[in-house]
PDB file of N, CA and C in Angstrom:
ATOM      1  N   MET A   1      26.251  48.624-232.246  1.00  0.00           N
ATOM      2  CA  MET A   1      25.726  49.177-230.800  1.00  0.00           C
ATOM      3  C   MET A   1      25.157  50.412-231.484  1.00  0.00           C
ATOM      4  N   ALA A   2      24.053  50.514-230.495  1.00  0.00           N
ATOM      5  CA  ALA A   2      22.962  51.486-230.393  1.00  0.00           C
ATOM      6  C   ALA A   2      23.362  52.710-230.058  1.00  0.00           C
ATOM      7  N   ALA A   3      23.433  54.115-230.610  1.00  0.00           N
ATOM      8  CA  ALA A   3      24.068  55.100-229.660  1.00  0.00           C
ATOM      9  C   ALA A   3      22.432  55.241-228.758  1.00  0.00           C
ATOM     10  N   ARG A   4      23.425  55.901-227.326  1.00  0.00           N
ATOM     11  CA  ARG A   4      22.733  56.491-226.099  1.00  0.00           C
ATOM     12  C   ARG A   4      22.221  57.542-226.786  1.00  0.00           C
ATOM     13  N   SER A   5      20.598  58.013-226.964  1.00  0.00           N
ATOM     14  CA  SER A   5      20.166  58.928-226.797  1.00  0.00           C
ATOM     15  C   SER A   5      19.286  59.808-225.927  1.00  0.00           C
ATOM     16  N   ALA A   6      19.573  59.044-224.958  1.00  0.00           N
ATOM     17  CA  ALA A   6      18.619  59.616-223.782  1.00  0.00           C
ATOM     18  C   ALA A   6      19.337  60.412-222.778  1.00  0.00           C
ATOM     19  N   VAL A   7      18.447  61.475-223.038  1.00  0.00           N
ATOM     20  CA  VAL A   7      19.321  62.859-221.939  1.00  0.00           C
ATOM     21  C   VAL A   7      19.221  61.954-220.318  1.00  0.00           C
ATOM     22  N   ARG A   8      20.415  62.242-219.579  1.00  0.00           N
ATOM     23  CA  ARG A   8      20.899  61.666-218.343  1.00  0.00           C
ATOM     24  C   ARG A   8      20.370  63.014-217.421  1.00  0.00           C
ATOM     25  N   TRP A   9      18.803  63.267-217.241  1.00  0.00           N
ATOM     26  CA  TRP A   9      18.177  64.026-216.264  1.00  0.00           C
ATOM     27  C   TRP A   9      18.675  63.972-214.789  1.00  0.00           C
ATOM     28  N   ARG A  10      18.665  62.685-214.311  1.00  0.00           N
ATOM     29  CA  ARG A  10      19.192  62.636-213.131  1.00  0.00           C
ATOM     30  C   ARG A  10      20.439  63.268-213.081  1.00  0.00           C
ATOM     31  N   LEU A  11      21.626  62.983-213.662  1.00  0.00           N
ATOM     32  CA  LEU A  11      22.754  63.349-213.110  1.00  0.00           C
ATOM     33  C   LEU A  11      22.841  65.160-213.240  1.00  0.00           C
ATOM     34  N   TYR A  12      22.117  65.404-214.385  1.00  0.00           N
ATOM     35  CA  TYR A  12      22.043  67.207-214.783  1.00  0.00           C
ATOM     36  C   TYR A  12      21.286  67.681-213.359  1.00  0.00           C
ATOM     37  N   THR A  13      20.138  67.195-212.883  1.00  0.00           N
ATOM     38  CA  THR A  13      19.651  67.630-211.483  1.00  0.00           C
ATOM     39  C   THR A  13      20.475  67.364-210.442  1.00  0.00           C
ATOM     40  N   LYS A  14      21.522  66.584-210.254  1.00  0.00           N
ATOM     41  CA  LYS A  14      22.089  66.294-209.271  1.00  0.00           C
ATOM     42  C   LYS A  14      23.513  67.456-209.123  1.00  0.00           C
ATOM     43  N   MET A  15      23.627  67.960-210.520  1.00  0.00           N
ATOM     44  CA  MET A  15      24.633  68.993-210.738  1.00  0.00           C
ATOM     45  C   MET A  15      23.972  70.335-210.046  1.00  0.00           C
ATOM     46  N   LEU A  16      23.251  70.895-210.702  1.00  0.00           N
ATOM     47  CA  LEU A  16      22.297  71.898-210.515  1.00  0.00           C
ATOM     48  C   LEU A  16      22.069  71.932-208.880  1.00  0.00           C
ATOM     49  N   VAL A  17      21.447  70.804-208.411  1.00  0.00           N
ATOM     50  CA  VAL A  17      21.800  71.047-207.001  1.00  0.00           C
ATOM     51  C   VAL A  17      22.696  71.126-205.962  1.00  0.00           C
ATOM     52  N   GLY A  18      23.874  70.700-206.673  1.00  0.00           N
ATOM     53  CA  GLY A  18      25.129  70.541-206.098  1.00  0.00           C
ATOM     54  C   GLY A  18      25.640  72.212-205.831  1.00  0.00           C
ATOM     55  N   GLY A  19      25.340  72.692-207.297  1.00  0.00           N
ATOM     56  CA  GLY A  19      25.806  73.910-207.628  1.00  0.00           C
ATOM     57  C   GLY A  19      25.162  74.772-206.906  1.00  0.00           C
ATOM     58  N   ALA A  20      23.878  74.684-206.974  1.00  0.00           N
ATOM     59  CA  ALA A  20      22.886  75.523-205.795  1.00  0.00           C
ATOM     60  C   ALA A  20      23.524  75.981-204.139  1.00  0.00           C
ATOM     61  N   VAL A  21      23.538  74.539-204.218  1.00  0.00           N
ATOM     62  CA  VAL A  21      24.069  74.036-202.411  1.00  0.00           C
ATOM     63  C   VAL A  21      25.237  75.224-202.195  1.00  0.00           C
ATOM     64  N   VAL A  22      26.381  74.836-202.962  1.00  0.00           N
ATOM     65  CA  VAL A  22      27.668  75.485-203.223  1.00  0.00           C
ATOM     66  C   VAL A  22      27.230  77.307-203.324  1.00  0.00           C
ATOM     67  N   CYS A  23      26.841  77.520-204.159  1.00  0.00           N
ATOM     68  CA  CYS A  23      26.829  79.199-204.401  1.00  0.00           C
ATOM     69  C   CYS A  23      25.827  79.450-203.451  1.00  0.00           C
ATOM     70  N   VAL A  24      24.885  79.260-203.104  1.00  0.00           N
ATOM     71  CA  VAL A  24      23.963  80.005-202.049  1.00  0.00           C
ATOM     72  C   VAL A  24      24.308  79.428-200.294  1.00  0.00           C
ATOM     73  N   GLY A  25      24.540  78.212-200.504  1.00  0.00           N
ATOM     74  CA  GLY A  25      25.099  77.741-199.129  1.00  0.00           C
ATOM     75  C   GLY A  25      26.301  78.335-198.456  1.00  0.00           C
ATOM     76  N   GLY A  26      27.052  78.648-199.291  1.00  0.00           N
ATOM     77  CA  GLY A  26      28.792  78.959-198.539  1.00  0.00           C
ATOM     78  C   GLY A  26      28.254  80.309-198.261  1.00  0.00           C
ATOM     79  N   PRO A  27      27.976  81.257-199.059  1.00  0.00           N
ATOM     80  CA  PRO A  27      28.107  82.525-198.294  1.00  0.00           C
ATOM     81  C   PRO A  27      26.796  83.055-197.419  1.00  0.00           C
ATOM     82  N   ALA A  28      25.432  81.948-197.354  1.00  0.00           N
ATOM     83  CA  ALA A  28      24.983  82.179-195.977  1.00  0.00           C
ATOM     84  C   ALA A  28      25.245  81.573-194.956  1.00  0.00           C
ATOM     85  N   LEU A  29      26.243  80.532-195.020  1.00  0.00           N
ATOM     86  CA  LEU A  29      26.943  79.807-193.981  1.00  0.00           C
ATOM     87  C   LEU A  29      27.964  80.949-193.563  1.00  0.00           C
ATOM     88  N   THR A  30      28.568  81.515-194.110  1.00  0.00           N
ATOM     89  CA  THR A  30      29.584  82.329-193.820  1.00  0.00           C
ATOM     90  C   THR A  30      28.723  83.786-193.084  1.00  0.00           C
ATOM     91  N   TRP A  31      27.679  84.026-193.825  1.00  0.00           N
ATOM     92  CA  TRP A  31      27.007  85.313-193.075  1.00  0.00           C
ATOM     93  C   TRP A  31      26.499  84.908-191.618  1.00  0.00           C
ATOM     94  N   TYR A  32      25.880  83.855-191.550  1.00  0.00           N
ATOM     95  CA  TYR A  32      25.216  83.278-190.076  1.00  0.00           C
ATOM     96  C   TYR A  32      26.611  82.814-189.099  1.00  0.00           C
ATOM     97  N   LEU A  33      27.804  82.901-189.349  1.00  0.00           N
ATOM     98  CA  LEU A  33      28.875  82.299-188.659  1.00  0.00           C
ATOM     99  C   LEU A  33      29.368  83.880-188.026  1.00  0.00           C
ATOM    100  N   ARG A  34      29.450  84.748-189.329  1.00  0.00           N
ATOM    101  CA  ARG A  34      30.183  86.108-188.631  1.00  0.00           C
ATOM    102  C   ARG A  34      29.661  86.638-187.581  1.00  0.00           C
ATOM    103  N   PRO A  35      30.498  87.353-186.718  1.00  0.00           N
ATOM    104  CA  PRO A  35      29.972  87.955-185.199  1.00  0.00           C
ATOM    105  C   PRO A  35      29.390  89.288-185.787  1.00  0.00           C
ATOM    106  N   THR A  36      28.568  89.791-185.123  1.00  0.00           N
ATOM    107  CA  THR A  36      28.056  91.482-185.394  1.00  0.00           C
ATOM    108  C   THR A  36      29.502  92.152-184.577  1.00  0.00           C
ATOM    109  N   ASP A  37      29.219  93.216-185.162  1.00  0.00           N
ATOM    110  CA  ASP A  37      29.828  94.081-184.459  1.00  0.00           C
ATOM    111  C   ASP A  37      29.717  94.445-182.727  1.00  0.00           C
ATOM    112  N   GLU A  38      28.486  94.145-182.566  1.00  0.00           N
ATOM    113  CA  GLU A  38      28.405  94.546-180.803  1.00  0.00           C
ATOM    114  C   GLU A  38      28.918  93.119-180.544  1.00  0.00           C
ATOM    115  N   GLU A  39      28.699  92.170-180.963  1.00  0.00           N
ATOM    116  CA  GLU A  39      29.658  90.689-180.214  1.00  0.00           C
ATOM    117  C   GLU A  39      31.184  90.800-180.297  1.00  0.00           C
ATOM    118  N   LEU A  40      31.434  91.345-181.136  1.00  0.00           N
ATOM    119  CA  LEU A  40      33.007  91.696-181.487  1.00  0.00           C
ATOM    120  C   LEU A  40      33.291  92.943-179.919  1.00  0.00           C
ATOM    121  N   PHE A  41      32.392  93.938-180.081  1.00  0.00           N
ATOM    122  CA  PHE A  41      32.628  94.542-178.919  1.00  0.00           C
ATOM    123  C   PHE A  41      32.620  93.709-177.456  1.00  0.00           C
ATOM    124  N   GLN A  42      31.883  93.344-177.284  1.00  0.00           N
ATOM    125  CA  GLN A  42      31.887  92.519-176.382  1.00  0.00           C
ATOM    126  C   GLN A  42      32.659  91.974-175.368  1.00  0.00           C
ATOM    127  N   LYS A  43      33.375  91.108-176.398  1.00  0.00           N
ATOM    128  CA  LYS A  43      34.814  90.241-176.380  1.00  0.00           C
ATOM    129  C   LYS A  43      35.789  91.158-176.350  1.00  0.00           C
ATOM    130  N   TYR A  44      36.136  92.704-176.148  1.00  0.00           N
ATOM    131  CA  TYR A  44      36.888  93.234-175.844  1.00  0.00           C
ATOM    132  C   TYR A  44      37.296  93.254-174.448  1.00  0.00           C
ATOM    133  N   ASN A  45      38.360  93.632-174.020  1.00  0.00           N
ATOM    134  CA  ASN A  45      38.360  93.781-172.695  1.00  0.00           C
ATOM    135  C   ASN A  45      37.943  94.905-171.884  1.00  0.00           C
ATOM    136  N   PRO A  46      37.701  94.994-170.905  1.00  0.00           N
ATOM    137  CA  PRO A  46      37.332  96.926-170.380  1.00  0.00           C
ATOM    138  C   PRO A  46      38.060  97.906-170.619  1.00  0.00           C
ATOM    139  N   GLU A  47      39.204  97.803-170.794  1.00  0.00           N
ATOM    140  CA  GLU A  47      40.176  98.925-171.037  1.00  0.00           C
ATOM    141  C   GLU A  47      40.394  99.345-172.195  1.00  0.00           C
ATOM    142  N   LEU A  48      40.013  98.043-173.293  1.00  0.00           N
ATOM    143  CA  LEU A  48      40.009  98.650-174.988  1.00  0.00           C
ATOM    144  C   LEU A  48      38.226  98.867-175.022  1.00  0.00           C
ATOM    145  N   GLN A  49      37.406  98.605-174.457  1.00  0.00           N
ATOM    146  CA  GLN A  49      36.428  98.906-174.788  1.00  0.00           C
ATOM    147  C   GLN A  49      35.924 100.495-174.278  1.00  0.00           C
ATOM    148  N   ARG A  50      36.470 101.054-173.086  1.00  0.00           N
ATOM    149  CA  ARG A  50      36.514 102.294-172.711  1.00  0.00           C
ATOM    150  C   ARG A  50      37.292 103.198-173.795  1.00  0.00           C
ATOM    151  N   LYS A  51      38.537 102.874-174.314  1.00  0.00           N
ATOM    152  CA  LYS A  51      39.178 103.385-175.396  1.00  0.00           C
ATOM    153  C   LYS A  51      38.404 103.727-176.513  1.00  0.00           C
ATOM    154  N   SER A  52      37.849 102.731-176.978  1.00  0.00           N
ATOM    155  CA  SER A  52      37.136 102.770-178.141  1.00  0.00           C
ATOM    156  C   SER A  52      35.882 103.653-177.949  1.00  0.00           C
ATOM    157  N   LEU A  53      35.426 103.356-177.102  1.00  0.00           N
ATOM    158  CA  LEU A  53      34.153 104.686-176.770  1.00  0.00           C
ATOM    159  C   LEU A  53      34.267 105.994-176.551  1.00  0.00           C
ATOM    160  N   GLU A  54      36.118 106.194-176.061  1.00  0.00           N
ATOM    161  CA  GLU A  54      36.375 107.630-175.789  1.00  0.00           C
ATOM    162  C   GLU A  54      36.941 108.130-177.366  1.00  0.00           C
ATOM    163  N   GLY A  55      37.539 107.326-177.994  1.00  0.00           N
ATOM    164  CA  GLY A  55      37.916 107.677-179.465  1.00  0.00           C
ATOM    165  C   GLY A  55      36.901 107.835-180.433  1.00  0.00           C
ATOM    166  N   ARG A  56      35.497 106.935-180.439  1.00  0.00           N
ATOM    167  CA  ARG A  56      34.842 106.912-181.128  1.00  0.00           C
ATOM    168  C   ARG A  56      34.194 108.183-182.082  1.00  0.00           C
ATOM    169  N   TYR A  57      34.171 109.216-181.029  1.00  0.00           N
ATOM    170  CA  TYR A  57      33.709 110.712-181.639  1.00  0.00           C
ATOM    171  C   TYR A  57      34.994 111.121-182.725  1.00  0.00           C
ATOM    172  N   GLU A  58      35.642 111.132-182.303  1.00  0.00           N
ATOM    173  CA  GLU A  58      37.073 111.713-183.023  1.00  0.00           C
ATOM    174  C   GLU A  58      37.141 110.975-184.642  1.00  0.00           C
ATOM    175  N   ARG A  59      37.136 109.549-184.353  1.00  0.00           N
ATOM    176  CA  ARG A  59      36.924 108.885-185.743  1.00  0.00           C
ATOM    177  C   ARG A  59      35.907 108.793-186.549  1.00  0.00           C
ATOM    178  N   GLU A  60      34.734 108.959-186.151  1.00  0.00           N
ATOM    179  CA  GLU A  60      33.262 109.494-187.014  1.00  0.00           C
ATOM    180  C   GLU A  60      33.671 110.907-187.468  1.00  0.00           C
ATOM    181  N   LYS A  61      33.897 111.948-186.793  1.00  0.00           N
ATOM    182  CA  LYS A  61      34.347 113.289-187.124  1.00  0.00           C
ATOM    183  C   LYS A  61      35.406 113.558-188.465  1.00  0.00           C
ATOM    184  N   GLU A  62      36.437 112.473-188.020  1.00  0.00           N
ATOM    185  CA  GLU A  62      37.443 112.630-189.021  1.00  0.00           C
ATOM    186  C   GLU A  62      36.955 111.943-190.203  1.00  0.00           C
ATOM    187  N   PHE A  63      36.382 110.906-190.696  1.00  0.00           N
ATOM    188  CA  PHE A  63      35.938 110.243-191.694  1.00  0.00           C
ATOM    189  C   PHE A  63      34.717 111.211-192.194  1.00  0.00           C
ATOM    190  N   ASP A  64      33.799 111.936-191.521  1.00  0.00           N
ATOM    191  CA  ASP A  64      32.817 112.835-191.978  1.00  0.00           C
ATOM    192  C   ASP A  64      33.811 113.931-192.900  1.00  0.00           C
ATOM    193  N   ASP A  65      34.608 114.519-192.384  1.00  0.00           N
ATOM    194  CA  ASP A  65      35.639 115.390-192.543  1.00  0.00           C
ATOM    195  C   ASP A  65      36.385 115.270-194.020  1.00  0.00           C
ATOM    196  N   PHE A  66      36.897 113.913-194.242  1.00  0.00           N
ATOM    197  CA  PHE A  66      37.238 113.137-195.186  1.00  0.00           C
ATOM    198  C   PHE A  66      36.298 113.070-196.302  1.00  0.00           C
ATOM    199  N   VAL A  67      35.282 112.498-196.175  1.00  0.00           N
ATOM    200  CA  VAL A  67      33.978 112.718-196.935  1.00  0.00           C
ATOM    201  C   VAL A  67      33.684 113.627-197.481  1.00  0.00           C
ATOM    202  N   VAL A  68      33.384 114.912-196.744  1.00  0.00           N
ATOM    203  CA  VAL A  68      33.445 116.155-196.848  1.00  0.00           C
ATOM    204  C   VAL A  68      34.248 116.417-198.234  1.00  0.00           C
ATOM    205  N   LYS A  69      35.579 116.186-197.781  1.00  0.00           N
ATOM    206  CA  LYS A  69      36.783 116.873-198.268  1.00  0.00           C
ATOM    207  C   LYS A  69      36.670 115.921-200.054  1.00  0.00           C
ATOM    208  N   LEU A  70      36.448 114.725-199.957  1.00  0.00           N
ATOM    209  CA  LEU A  70      36.430 113.982-201.371  1.00  0.00           C
ATOM    210  C   LEU A  70      35.326 114.423-202.086  1.00  0.00           C
ATOM    211  N   LYS A  71      34.322 114.800-201.614  1.00  0.00           N
ATOM    212  CA  LYS A  71      32.865 115.234-202.310  1.00  0.00           C
ATOM    213  C   LYS A  71      33.294 116.789-202.963  1.00  0.00           C
ATOM    214  N   GLN A  72      34.541 117.671-202.184  1.00  0.00           N
ATOM    215  CA  GLN A  72      34.769 118.540-202.940  1.00  0.00           C
ATOM    216  C   GLN A  72      35.807 118.531-203.580  1.00  0.00           C
ATOM    217  N   TYR A  73      36.546 117.718-203.754  1.00  0.00           N
ATOM    218  CA  TYR A  73      37.285 117.226-204.379  1.00  0.00           C
ATOM    219  C   TYR A  73      36.901 116.588-205.631  1.00  0.00           C
ATOM    220  N   SER A  74      36.033 116.121-205.854  1.00  0.00           N
ATOM    221  CA  SER A  74      35.159 115.221-207.102  1.00  0.00           C
ATOM    222  C   SER A  74      34.611 116.401-207.663  1.00  0.00           C
ATOM    223  N   LYS A  75      34.596 117.388-207.429  1.00  0.00           N
ATOM    224  CA  LYS A  75      33.595 118.879-208.350  1.00  0.00           C
ATOM    225  C   LYS A  75      34.457 119.478-209.248  1.00  0.00           C
ATOM    226  N   SER A  76      35.885 119.233-208.657  1.00  0.00           N
ATOM    227  CA  SER A  76      36.752 119.546-209.857  1.00  0.00           C
ATOM    228  C   SER A  76      36.904 118.286-211.224  1.00  0.00           C
ATOM    229  N   ASN A  77      37.227 119.326-212.259  1.00  0.00           N
ATOM    230  CA  ASN A  77      37.918 118.456-213.437  1.00  0.00           C
ATOM    231  C   ASN A  77      38.980 117.353-213.580  1.00  0.00           C
ATOM    232  N   LYS A  78      40.143 117.966-212.424  1.00  0.00           N
ATOM    233  CA  LYS A  78      40.953 117.206-212.173  1.00  0.00           C
ATOM    234  C   LYS A  78      41.103 115.995-211.405  1.00  0.00           C
ATOM    235  N   PRO A  79      42.134 115.333-211.574  1.00  0.00           N
ATOM    236  CA  PRO A  79      42.104 113.979-210.720  1.00  0.00           C
ATOM    237  C   PRO A  79      41.808 114.429-209.174  1.00  0.00           C
ATOM    238  N   ILE A  80      41.075 113.428-208.266  1.00  0.00           N
ATOM    239  CA  ILE A  80      41.209 113.947-206.849  1.00  0.00           C
ATOM    240  C   ILE A  80      42.849 113.864-206.093  1.00  0.00           C
ATOM    241  N   TRP A  81      43.808 113.205-206.497  1.00  0.00           N
ATOM    242  CA  TRP A  81      44.964 113.091-205.717  1.00  0.00           C
ATOM    243  C   TRP A  81      45.801 114.464-205.901  1.00  0.00           C
ATOM    244  N   VAL A  82      45.594 115.416-207.218  1.00  0.00           N
ATOM    245  CA  VAL A  82      46.204 116.395-207.815  1.00  0.00           C
ATOM    246  C   VAL A  82      45.331 117.339-207.043  1.00  0.00           C
ATOM    247  N   VAL A  83      44.083 117.386-206.693  1.00  0.00           N
ATOM    248  CA  VAL A  83      43.190 118.337-205.886  1.00  0.00           C
ATOM    249  C   VAL A  83      43.684 118.480-205.031  1.00  0.00           C
ATOM    250  N   GLN A  84      43.826 117.294-204.000  1.00  0.00           N
ATOM    251  CA  GLN A  84      44.138 117.048-203.025  1.00  0.00           C
ATOM    252  C   GLN A  84      45.528 117.551-202.554  1.00  0.00           C
ATOM    253  N   ALA A  85      46.796 117.254-203.421  1.00  0.00           N
ATOM    254  CA  ALA A  85      47.678 118.092-203.279  1.00  0.00           C
ATOM    255  C   ALA A  85      47.930 119.425-203.253  1.00  0.00           C
ATOM    256  N   GLU A  86      47.109 120.042-203.967  1.00  0.00           N
ATOM    257  CA  GLU A  86      47.069 121.413-204.451  1.00  0.00           C
ATOM    258  C   GLU A  86      46.487 122.025-202.963  1.00  0.00           C
ATOM    259  N   GLU A  87      45.446 121.244-202.572  1.00  0.00           N
ATOM    260  CA  GLU A  87      44.988 121.910-201.015  1.00  0.00           C
ATOM    261  C   GLU A  87      45.960 121.656-199.990  1.00  0.00           C
ATOM    262  N   GLU A  88      46.721 120.477-200.006  1.00  0.00           N
ATOM    263  CA  GLU A  88      47.623 120.825-198.619  1.00  0.00           C
ATOM    264  C   GLU A  88      48.534 121.129-199.100  1.00  0.00           C
ATOM    265  N   GLN A  89      49.111 122.098-200.289  1.00  0.00           N
ATOM    266  CA  GLN A  89      50.154 122.942-200.358  1.00  0.00           C
ATOM    267  C   GLN A  89      49.748 124.155-200.093  1.00  0.00           C
ATOM    268  N   LYS A  90      48.357 124.425-200.377  1.00  0.00           N
ATOM    269  CA  LYS A  90      47.829 125.814-199.790  1.00  0.00           C
ATOM    270  C   LYS A  90      47.482 125.565-197.916  1.00  0.00           C
ATOM    271  N   GLU A  91      47.542 124.660-197.554  1.00  0.00           N
ATOM    272  CA  GLU A  91      47.362 124.623-196.070  1.00  0.00           C
ATOM    273  C   GLU A  91      48.766 124.597-195.464  1.00  0.00           C
ATOM    274  N   ARG A  92      49.592 124.189-196.028  1.00  0.00           N
ATOM    275  CA  ARG A  92      51.163 124.378-195.637  1.00  0.00           C
ATOM    276  C   ARG A  92      51.242 125.839-195.535  1.00  0.00           C
ATOM    277  N   GLU A  93      51.139 126.657-196.941  1.00  0.00           N
ATOM    278  CA  GLU A  93      51.492 127.908-196.841  1.00  0.00           C
ATOM    279  C   GLU A  93      50.420 128.492-195.950  1.00  0.00           C
ATOM    280  N   ALA A  94      49.422 128.210-195.453  1.00  0.00           N
ATOM    281  CA  ALA A  94      48.570 128.747-194.515  1.00  0.00           C
ATOM    282  C   ALA A  94      49.113 128.980-193.124  1.00  0.00           C
ATOM    283  N   LYS A  95      49.637 127.941-192.982  1.00  0.00           N
ATOM    284  CA  LYS A  95      50.139 127.468-191.137  1.00  0.00           C
ATOM    285  C   LYS A  95      51.556 128.144-191.421  1.00  0.00           C
ATOM    286  N   ILE A  96      52.491 128.466-192.399  1.00  0.00           N
ATOM    287  CA  ILE A  96      53.596 128.975-192.473  1.00  0.00           C
ATOM    288  C   ILE A  96      53.270 130.759-192.239  1.00  0.00           C
ATOM    289  N   GLN A  97      52.205 131.024-193.017  1.00  0.00           N
ATOM    290  CA  GLN A  97      52.028 132.869-192.705  1.00  0.00           C
ATOM    291  C   GLN A  97      51.435 132.840-191.577  1.00  0.00           C
ATOM    292  N   GLU A  98      50.628 132.057-190.771  1.00  0.00           N
ATOM    293  CA  GLU A  98      50.014 132.113-189.535  1.00  0.00           C
ATOM    294  C   GLU A  98      51.173 132.275-188.674  1.00  0.00           C
ATOM    295  N   SER A  99      52.329 131.182-188.665  1.00  0.00           N
ATOM    296  CA  SER A  99      53.602 131.185-187.903  1.00  0.00           C
ATOM    297  C   SER A  99      54.352 132.433-188.213  1.00  0.00           C
ATOM    298  N   LEU A 100      54.261 133.095-189.052  1.00  0.00           N
ATOM    299  CA  LEU A 100      54.966 134.498-189.270  1.00  0.00           C
ATOM    300  C   LEU A 100      54.315 135.559-188.704  1.00  0.00           C
ATOM    301  N   ARG A 101      53.000 135.589-188.721  1.00  0.00           N
ATOM    302  CA  ARG A 101      52.193 136.885-188.031  1.00  0.00           C
ATOM    303  C   ARG A 101      52.475 136.861-186.887  1.00  0.00           C
ATOM    304  N   LEU A 102      52.710 135.422-186.145  1.00  0.00           N
ATOM    305  CA  LEU A 102      52.588 134.990-184.707  1.00  0.00           C
ATOM    306  C   LEU A 102      53.978 135.661-184.560  1.00  0.00           C
ATOM    307  N   ALA A 103      54.597 135.187-185.073  1.00  0.00           N
ATOM    308  CA  ALA A 103      56.346 135.964-184.644  1.00  0.00           C
ATOM    309  C   ALA A 103      56.532 137.666-184.588  1.00  0.00           C
ATOM    310  N   GLU A 104      55.929 137.704-185.640  1.00  0.00           N
ATOM    311  CA  GLU A 104      55.553 139.738-185.770  1.00  0.00           C
ATOM    312  C   GLU A 104      55.038 140.065-184.272  1.00  0.00           C
ATOM    313  N   GLU A 105      53.834 139.005-184.044  1.00  0.00           N
ATOM    314  CA  GLU A 105      53.139 139.791-182.901  1.00  0.00           C
ATOM    315  C   GLU A 105      53.960 139.764-181.679  1.00  0.00           C
ATOM    316  N   VAL A 106      54.728 138.344-181.509  1.00  0.00           N
ATOM    317  CA  VAL A 106      55.634 138.395-180.381  1.00  0.00           C
ATOM    318  C   VAL A 106      57.033 139.396-180.091  1.00  0.00           C
ATOM    319  N   LYS A 107      57.404 139.509-181.415  1.00  0.00           N
ATOM    320  CA  LYS A 107      58.453 140.683-181.701  1.00  0.00           C
ATOM    321  C   LYS A 107      57.552 142.073-181.235  1.00  0.00           C
ATOM    322  N   ALA A 108      56.754 142.290-181.757  1.00  0.00           N
ATOM    323  CA  ALA A 108      55.680 143.729-181.533  1.00  0.00           C
ATOM    324  C   ALA A 108      55.453 143.672-180.004  1.00  0.00           C
ATOM    325  N   LYS A 109      55.143 142.577-179.430  1.00  0.00           N
ATOM    326  CA  LYS A 109      54.766 142.446-177.965  1.00  0.00           C
ATOM    327  C   LYS A 109      56.255 142.923-177.201  1.00  0.00           C
ATOM    328  N   LYS A 110      57.270 142.197-177.352  1.00  0.00           N
ATOM    329  CA  LYS A 110      58.492 142.309-176.601  1.00  0.00           C
ATOM    330  C   LYS A 110      59.172 143.703-176.918  1.00  0.00           C
ATOM    331  N   GLU A 111      58.824 144.695-178.401  1.00  0.00           N
ATOM    332  CA  GLU A 111      59.354 146.184-178.157  1.00  0.00           C
ATOM    333  C   GLU A 111      58.310 147.111-177.291  1.00  0.00           C
ATOM    334  N   GLU A 112      56.949 146.666-177.496  1.00  0.00           N
ATOM    335  CA  GLU A 112      56.084 147.445-176.774  1.00  0.00           C
ATOM    336  C   GLU A 112      56.970 147.232-175.163  1.00  0.00           C
ATOM    337  N   MET A 113      56.829 146.202-174.763  1.00  0.00           N
ATOM    338  CA  MET A 113      57.536 145.614-173.202  1.00  0.00           C
ATOM    339  C   MET A 113      58.755 146.592-173.015  1.00  0.00           C
ATOM    340  N   ARG A 114      59.827 146.442-173.866  1.00  0.00           N
ATOM    341  CA  ARG A 114      60.869 146.998-173.964  1.00  0.00           C
ATOM    342  C   ARG A 114      60.530 148.608-173.530  1.00  0.00           C
ATOM    343  N   ARG A 115      60.100 149.088-174.514  1.00  0.00           N
ATOM    344  CA  ARG A 115      59.565 150.346-174.645  1.00  0.00           C
ATOM    345  C   ARG A 115      59.043 151.324-173.255  1.00  0.00           C
ATOM    346  N   GLN A 116      57.798 150.376-172.343  1.00  0.00           N
ATOM    347  CA  GLN A 116      57.452 150.314-171.309  1.00  0.00           C
ATOM    348  C   GLN A 116      58.229 150.461-170.363  1.00  0.00           C
ATOM    349  N   ALA A 117      58.988 149.641-170.423  1.00  0.00           N
ATOM    350  CA  ALA A 117      60.450 149.143-169.353  1.00  0.00           C
ATOM    351  C   ALA A 117      61.441 150.702-169.286  1.00  0.00           C
ATOM    352  N   GLY A 118      61.426 151.202-170.384  1.00  0.00           N
ATOM    353  CA  GLY A 118      62.421 152.494-170.730  1.00  0.00           C
ATOM    354  C   GLY A 118      63.829 151.823-171.204  1.00  0.00           C
ATOM    355  N   LEU A 119      63.615 150.900-171.766  1.00  0.00           N
ATOM    356  CA  LEU A 119      64.907 150.461-172.198  1.00  0.00           C
ATOM    357  C   LEU A 119      64.710 150.725-173.734  1.00  0.00           C
ATOM    358  N   PRO A 120      66.357 150.887-174.174  1.00  0.00           N
ATOM    359  CA  PRO A 120      66.521 151.109-175.846  1.00  0.00           C
ATOM    360  C   PRO A 120      65.899 149.590-176.587  1.00  0.00           C
ATOM    361  N   PRO A 121      65.218 150.680-177.970  1.00  0.00           N
ATOM    362  CA  PRO A 121      64.926 149.306-178.845  1.00  0.00           C
ATOM    363  C   PRO A 121      65.742 148.587-179.415  1.00  0.00           C
ATOM    364  N   GLN A 122      65.584 147.218-179.477  1.00  0.00           N
ATOM    365  CA  GLN A 122      66.701 146.276-179.582  1.00  0.00           C
ATOM    366  C   GLN A 122      67.329 146.156-181.108  1.00  0.00           C
ATOM    367  N   ARG A 123      68.071 145.814-181.594  1.00  0.00           N
ATOM    368  CA  ARG A 123      68.665 146.247-183.026  1.00  0.00           C
ATOM    369  C   ARG A 123      68.149 144.804-183.530  1.00  0.00           C
ATOM    370  N   PRO A 124      68.562 144.997-184.805  1.00  0.00           N
ATOM    371  CA  PRO A 124      67.720 144.332-185.735  1.00  0.00           C
ATOM    372  C   PRO A 124      68.935 142.772-185.808  1.00  0.00           C
ATOM    373  N   ASP A 125      70.128 143.238-185.617  1.00  0.00           N
ATOM    374  CA  ASP A 125      71.093 141.994-185.874  1.00  0.00           C
ATOM    375  C   ASP A 125      70.898 141.023-184.410  1.00  0.00           C
ATOM    376  N   GLN A 126      70.390 141.281-183.686  1.00  0.00           N
ATOM    377  CA  GLN A 126      70.387 140.731-182.267  1.00  0.00           C
ATOM    378  C   GLN A 126      69.212 139.570-182.431  1.00  0.00           C
TER     379      GLN A 126
END
């Protein structure tokens, strides 16, 4: 028997064409069939459209703030999650200090009102 040394060009051509159809045609079909954001929005019922439009500015602002904070956190040599945790701790402490300051202001106003009304100062244990 003689050995077949002929190259099977027809088979290789069909394989390359089939592979190209799958590799290019699949994503192209997906891109063609996927609806745009506007088409999806138009399929919402009117109440969902209204709610989406009302909350759009807040969502965009929150996202922009998040990105700005991430950029600030990334400037540090520490990992972002560590810097974020430190920042959250600082914010918590600032809120506590603010609430303490407000409580002191309220207490001072009460004492001032008592003094103006001619009542004796309130004792610390009350």
